[in-house]
Amino acid sequence: MKRRNDKYNNHLLKSYETVMDFAFRKMVYATSVYSAIEKGKIIPDVVGTSKTVMIDLTKYGAYKFQVRNPDKSAMIRWYLSVGYEIKGKKAQRKAQAILFQSSKKSL
């Protein structure tokens, strides 16, 4: 038997992301997201008592940053160096493949 409010329990998890998750998915540095917020191009929501800043994917999921041909391997290394945990098996495999490919090119 389904509860009446089940569809609302997971709404926040499916339609919102933290700034770091949003930046990683868009393959930009977090400073780019914060500068877009500062310019008013992205309006974040503050969620919960911990004052976590979240990005509404229903509004800004298709937002395009002005980044051209980013060095993805350098960006992934930066995210790992700041302690960002890559979520999802698919994203982890993709990151490992990019890092492996860049290491093969340098040889």
C-alpha atoms as a PDB file:
ATOM      1  CA  MET A   1       0.000   0.000   0.000  1.00  0.00           C
ATOM      2  CA  LYS A   2       1.375   3.364  -1.030  1.00  0.00           C
ATOM      3  CA  ARG A   3       1.359   6.365   1.221  1.00  0.00           C
ATOM      4  CA  ARG A   4      -0.354   9.498   0.022  1.00  0.00           C
ATOM      5  CA  ASN A   5       2.725  11.687   0.372  1.00  0.00           C
ATOM      6  CA  ASP A   6       5.348   9.338  -1.136  1.00  0.00           C
ATOM      7  CA  LYS A   7       5.668  11.402  -4.289  1.00  0.00           C
ATOM      8  CA  TYR A   8       6.622  14.437  -2.211  1.00  0.00           C
ATOM      9  CA  ASN A   9       9.199  12.677  -0.036  1.00  0.00           C
ATOM     10  CA  ASN A  10      11.660  12.168  -2.884  1.00  0.00           C
ATOM     11  CA  HIS A  11      10.862  15.350  -4.815  1.00  0.00           C
ATOM     12  CA  LEU A  12      13.658  17.293  -3.142  1.00  0.00           C
ATOM     13  CA  LEU A  13      16.226  14.595  -3.865  1.00  0.00           C
ATOM     14  CA  LYS A  14      15.291  14.274  -7.532  1.00  0.00           C
ATOM     15  CA  SER A  15      14.885  17.918  -8.504  1.00  0.00           C
ATOM     16  CA  TYR A  16      17.588  19.648  -6.440  1.00  0.00           C
ATOM     17  CA  GLU A  17      21.384  19.365  -6.336  1.00  0.00           C
ATOM     18  CA  THR A  18      24.037  20.982  -4.208  1.00  0.00           C
ATOM     19  CA  VAL A  19      26.299  23.539  -5.869  1.00  0.00           C
ATOM     20  CA  MET A  20      29.236  21.105  -6.040  1.00  0.00           C
ATOM     21  CA  ASP A  21      27.108  18.330  -7.563  1.00  0.00           C
ATOM     22  CA  PHE A  22      25.651  20.769 -10.095  1.00  0.00           C
ATOM     23  CA  ALA A  23      29.121  22.068 -11.003  1.00  0.00           C
ATOM     24  CA  PHE A  24      30.512  18.546 -11.391  1.00  0.00           C
ATOM     25  CA  ARG A  25      27.618  17.464 -13.603  1.00  0.00           C
ATOM     26  CA  LYS A  26      28.084  20.552 -15.786  1.00  0.00           C
ATOM     27  CA  MET A  27      31.900  20.033 -15.774  1.00  0.00           C
ATOM     28  CA  VAL A  28      32.708  23.531 -14.505  1.00  0.00           C
ATOM     29  CA  TYR A  29      34.442  24.723 -11.369  1.00  0.00           C
ATOM     30  CA  ALA A  30      32.266  25.698  -8.419  1.00  0.00           C
ATOM     31  CA  THR A  31      33.385  29.325  -8.808  1.00  0.00           C
ATOM     32  CA  SER A  32      31.572  29.448 -12.159  1.00  0.00           C
ATOM     33  CA  VAL A  33      28.332  28.415 -10.476  1.00  0.00           C
ATOM     34  CA  TYR A  34      28.821  30.947  -7.687  1.00  0.00           C
ATOM     35  CA  SER A  35      29.520  33.731 -10.204  1.00  0.00           C
ATOM     36  CA  ALA A  36      26.325  32.805 -12.107  1.00  0.00           C
ATOM     37  CA  ILE A  37      24.447  33.012  -8.800  1.00  0.00           C
ATOM     38  CA  GLU A  38      26.045  36.390  -8.069  1.00  0.00           C
ATOM     39  CA  LYS A  39      25.042  37.729 -11.486  1.00  0.00           C
ATOM     40  CA  GLY A  40      21.467  36.526 -10.938  1.00  0.00           C
ATOM     41  CA  LYS A  41      21.495  33.993 -13.768  1.00  0.00           C
ATOM     42  CA  ILE A  42      20.879  31.154 -11.300  1.00  0.00           C
ATOM     43  CA  ILE A  43      18.734  31.690  -8.222  1.00  0.00           C
ATOM     44  CA  PRO A  44      19.506  29.060  -5.581  1.00  0.00           C
ATOM     45  CA  ASP A  45      17.223  27.811  -2.830  1.00  0.00           C
ATOM     46  CA  VAL A  46      18.339  27.460   0.770  1.00  0.00           C
ATOM     47  CA  VAL A  47      17.071  24.113   2.005  1.00  0.00           C
ATOM     48  CA  GLY A  48      16.848  22.725   5.509  1.00  0.00           C
ATOM     49  CA  THR A  49      18.186  23.883   8.814  1.00  0.00           C
ATOM     50  CA  SER A  50      21.806  23.473   7.738  1.00  0.00           C
ATOM     51  CA  LYS A  51      21.386  26.309   5.191  1.00  0.00           C
ATOM     52  CA  THR A  52      22.460  24.058   2.315  1.00  0.00           C
ATOM     53  CA  VAL A  53      22.400  25.903  -0.994  1.00  0.00           C
ATOM     54  CA  MET A  54      20.628  23.828  -3.641  1.00  0.00           C
ATOM     55  CA  ILE A  55      20.060  24.354  -7.355  1.00  0.00           C
ATOM     56  CA  ASP A  56      16.590  23.613  -8.760  1.00  0.00           C
ATOM     57  CA  LEU A  57      17.147  21.312 -11.736  1.00  0.00           C
ATOM     58  CA  THR A  58      13.650  21.881 -13.123  1.00  0.00           C
ATOM     59  CA  LYS A  59      14.611  25.530 -13.728  1.00  0.00           C
ATOM     60  CA  TYR A  60      18.376  25.404 -14.310  1.00  0.00           C
ATOM     61  CA  GLY A  61      19.089  21.837 -15.417  1.00  0.00           C
ATOM     62  CA  ALA A  62      19.587  22.965 -19.014  1.00  0.00           C
ATOM     63  CA  TYR A  63      21.680  26.054 -18.099  1.00  0.00           C
ATOM     64  CA  LYS A  64      24.755  26.361 -20.305  1.00  0.00           C
ATOM     65  CA  PHE A  65      27.995  27.870 -19.037  1.00  0.00           C
ATOM     66  CA  GLN A  66      30.321  29.747 -21.373  1.00  0.00           C
ATOM     67  CA  VAL A  67      33.081  27.142 -21.004  1.00  0.00           C
ATOM     68  CA  ARG A  68      34.583  25.875 -24.241  1.00  0.00           C
ATOM     69  CA  ASN A  69      36.441  22.534 -24.369  1.00  0.00           C
ATOM     70  CA  PRO A  70      37.327  22.154 -20.675  1.00  0.00           C
ATOM     71  CA  ASP A  71      40.238  19.960 -19.648  1.00  0.00           C
ATOM     72  CA  LYS A  72      38.085  17.300 -18.031  1.00  0.00           C
ATOM     73  CA  SER A  73      40.949  15.320 -16.543  1.00  0.00           C
ATOM     74  CA  ALA A  74      42.313  18.406 -14.754  1.00  0.00           C
ATOM     75  CA  MET A  75      38.837  19.247 -13.537  1.00  0.00           C
ATOM     76  CA  ILE A  76      38.250  15.724 -12.184  1.00  0.00           C
ATOM     77  CA  ARG A  77      41.644  15.795 -10.448  1.00  0.00           C
ATOM     78  CA  TRP A  78      40.686  19.145  -8.857  1.00  0.00           C
ATOM     79  CA  TYR A  79      37.357  17.765  -7.616  1.00  0.00           C
ATOM     80  CA  LEU A  80      39.110  14.743  -6.107  1.00  0.00           C
ATOM     81  CA  SER A  81      41.770  16.977  -4.499  1.00  0.00           C
ATOM     82  CA  VAL A  82      39.161  19.075  -2.669  1.00  0.00           C
ATOM     83  CA  GLY A  83      37.568  15.917  -1.288  1.00  0.00           C
ATOM     84  CA  TYR A  84      34.534  15.739  -3.556  1.00  0.00           C
ATOM     85  CA  GLU A  85      33.001  12.272  -3.625  1.00  0.00           C
ATOM     86  CA  ILE A  86      31.776  11.290  -7.084  1.00  0.00           C
ATOM     87  CA  LYS A  87      28.283   9.886  -6.671  1.00  0.00           C
ATOM     88  CA  GLY A  88      26.945   7.098  -8.819  1.00  0.00           C
ATOM     89  CA  LYS A  89      28.670   4.149 -10.413  1.00  0.00           C
ATOM     90  CA  LYS A  90      28.267   5.517 -13.923  1.00  0.00           C
ATOM     91  CA  ALA A  91      29.877   8.856 -13.027  1.00  0.00           C
ATOM     92  CA  GLN A  92      32.742   7.073 -11.261  1.00  0.00           C
ATOM     93  CA  ARG A  93      33.432   4.859 -14.283  1.00  0.00           C
ATOM     94  CA  LYS A  94      33.320   7.862 -16.603  1.00  0.00           C
ATOM     95  CA  ALA A  95      35.745   9.807 -14.403  1.00  0.00           C
ATOM     96  CA  GLN A  96      38.129   6.845 -14.248  1.00  0.00           C
ATOM     97  CA  ALA A  97      37.990   6.471 -18.034  1.00  0.00           C
ATOM     98  CA  ILE A  98      38.802  10.157 -18.562  1.00  0.00           C
ATOM     99  CA  LEU A  99      41.707  10.000 -16.102  1.00  0.00           C
ATOM    100  CA  PHE A 100      43.027   6.783 -17.687  1.00  0.00           C
ATOM    101  CA  GLN A 101      42.758   8.260 -21.181  1.00  0.00           C
ATOM    102  CA  SER A 102      44.655  11.412 -20.164  1.00  0.00           C
ATOM    103  CA  SER A 103      47.408   9.322 -18.540  1.00  0.00           C
ATOM    104  CA  LYS A 104      47.807   7.313 -21.774  1.00  0.00           C
ATOM    105  CA  LYS A 105      48.149  10.526 -23.805  1.00  0.00           C
ATOM    106  CA  SER A 106      50.902  11.844 -21.540  1.00  0.00           C
ATOM    107  CA  LEU A 107      53.044   8.724 -22.084  1.00  0.00           C
END
